[in-house]
Amino acid sequence: MSDNIHKNHEAAFKAKVAIEYDILGLQNEPPLNIHYQLFHRMASAILEAKRFNAKYAVTIVHSFSPEHKWFSDYQDFLGLFGTSSKINELVELPESEGKRVFTGWVVGQQKAG
């Protein structure tokens, strides 16, 4: 039973991310360890830039985690494009849909308790 659940989850993830993968110009199988939201938000930024005839598509991940939780997943996502980033750094990804594409992971200031 557990194997079937895993296979169904994997198939659902691959089907969900297929459209985003195409928009992002990625070729290989999507790795299961990367959160779907990263694919979706980046593809959405590209489609919105196209819709509004903007020159740039930008996705910012705003984290409030003092431990930089999930930053390694973000790095894995960037690795699909052959790049990496530091925290609070904007990086350029390959052009998509005729738009220059940028992303960054920024850290918000923690509120005093």
Protein backbone atom coordinates (compact mmCIF):
# COMPACT_ATOMS: atom_id res chain seq x y z
CA MET A 1 0.00 0.00 0.00
CA SER A 2 2.77 2.43 0.92
CA ASP A 3 4.50 1.96 -2.47
CA ASN A 4 1.25 2.77 -4.29
CA ILE A 5 0.79 5.97 -2.26
CA HIS A 6 4.36 7.00 -3.04
CA LYS A 7 3.93 6.27 -6.75
CA ASN A 8 0.65 8.22 -6.84
CA HIS A 9 2.27 11.18 -5.05
CA GLU A 10 5.19 11.13 -7.48
CA ALA A 11 2.91 10.97 -10.52
CA ALA A 12 0.72 13.80 -9.20
CA PHE A 13 3.77 15.98 -8.52
CA LYS A 14 5.20 15.39 -11.99
CA ALA A 15 1.85 16.16 -13.64
CA LYS A 16 1.43 19.33 -11.57
CA VAL A 17 4.91 20.65 -12.30
CA ALA A 18 4.97 19.74 -16.03
CA ILE A 19 3.47 23.06 -17.17
CA GLU A 20 5.79 25.09 -14.96
CA TYR A 21 8.76 23.06 -16.15
CA ASP A 22 7.91 23.92 -19.73
CA ILE A 23 7.56 27.65 -18.97
CA LEU A 24 10.87 27.61 -17.08
CA GLY A 25 12.61 25.85 -19.97
CA LEU A 26 13.76 22.90 -17.86
CA GLN A 27 14.35 19.58 -19.57
CA ASN A 28 15.03 16.84 -17.00
CA GLU A 29 12.62 15.07 -14.68
CA PRO A 30 11.57 17.33 -11.79
CA PRO A 31 13.23 16.25 -8.53
CA LEU A 32 10.72 15.38 -5.82
CA ASN A 33 12.66 17.11 -3.03
CA ILE A 34 11.99 20.63 -4.35
CA HIS A 35 8.79 22.33 -3.22
CA TYR A 36 6.19 22.75 -5.95
CA GLN A 37 5.61 26.37 -4.86
CA LEU A 38 9.04 27.39 -6.17
CA PHE A 39 8.18 26.14 -9.66
CA HIS A 40 4.69 27.62 -9.55
CA ARG A 41 5.69 31.07 -8.29
CA MET A 42 8.54 31.44 -10.75
CA ALA A 43 6.38 30.36 -13.69
CA SER A 44 3.60 32.70 -12.51
CA ALA A 45 6.01 35.65 -12.42
CA ILE A 46 7.05 34.89 -16.00
CA LEU A 47 3.45 34.61 -17.21
CA GLU A 48 2.50 37.87 -15.46
CA ALA A 49 5.50 39.67 -16.96
CA LYS A 50 4.38 38.43 -20.35
CA ARG A 51 0.77 39.47 -19.73
CA PHE A 52 1.77 43.00 -18.69
CA ASN A 53 4.51 43.28 -21.33
CA ALA A 54 7.16 43.76 -18.63
CA LYS A 55 10.85 43.26 -19.40
CA TYR A 56 11.56 41.33 -16.20
CA ALA A 57 10.03 38.54 -14.15
CA VAL A 58 11.04 38.53 -10.49
CA THR A 59 10.30 36.10 -7.68
CA ILE A 60 11.33 36.92 -4.12
CA VAL A 61 11.14 34.31 -1.38
CA HIS A 62 10.69 36.20 1.90
CA SER A 63 11.74 34.08 4.86
CA PHE A 64 11.33 34.90 8.53
CA SER A 65 13.13 31.77 9.71
CA PRO A 66 16.17 32.53 11.91
CA GLU A 67 17.53 29.07 10.95
CA HIS A 68 17.10 29.78 7.21
CA LYS A 69 14.77 26.81 7.03
CA TRP A 70 14.26 25.51 3.46
CA PHE A 71 17.07 27.63 2.00
CA SER A 72 18.77 24.39 0.92
CA ASP A 73 15.62 23.50 -1.08
CA TYR A 74 15.81 26.91 -2.74
CA GLN A 75 19.47 26.23 -3.58
CA ASP A 76 18.48 22.89 -5.11
CA PHE A 77 15.88 24.73 -7.19
CA LEU A 78 18.50 27.20 -8.43
CA GLY A 79 20.80 24.28 -9.22
CA LEU A 80 18.31 23.20 -11.89
CA PHE A 81 19.30 26.40 -13.71
CA GLY A 82 23.03 25.92 -13.10
CA THR A 83 23.33 28.68 -10.53
CA SER A 84 23.31 29.31 -6.79
CA SER A 85 22.69 32.24 -4.50
CA LYS A 86 23.44 33.70 -1.11
CA ILE A 87 20.79 34.94 1.28
CA ASN A 88 19.67 38.48 0.42
CA GLU A 89 21.10 38.23 -3.10
CA LEU A 90 19.24 38.62 -6.38
CA VAL A 91 20.37 36.25 -9.15
CA GLU A 92 19.51 36.10 -12.83
CA LEU A 93 18.19 32.87 -14.30
CA PRO A 94 18.04 31.99 -17.99
CA GLU A 95 15.62 34.06 -20.06
CA SER A 96 12.14 32.57 -20.44
CA GLU A 97 9.22 33.54 -22.67
CA GLY A 98 11.32 36.50 -23.86
CA LYS A 99 11.70 37.87 -20.31
CA ARG A 100 14.76 38.32 -18.14
CA VAL A 101 14.18 36.29 -14.98
CA PHE A 102 15.44 37.09 -11.48
CA THR A 103 14.98 35.51 -8.07
CA GLY A 104 16.19 36.05 -4.56
CA TRP A 105 15.84 34.72 -1.02
CA VAL A 106 15.47 37.54 1.49
CA VAL A 107 15.30 37.38 5.27
CA GLY A 108 12.85 39.50 7.21
CA GLN A 109 13.72 41.17 10.47
CA GLN A 110 12.62 39.19 13.53
CA LYS A 111 10.20 40.91 15.89
CA ALA A 112 11.18 41.12 19.52
CA GLY A 113 9.02 38.73 21.56
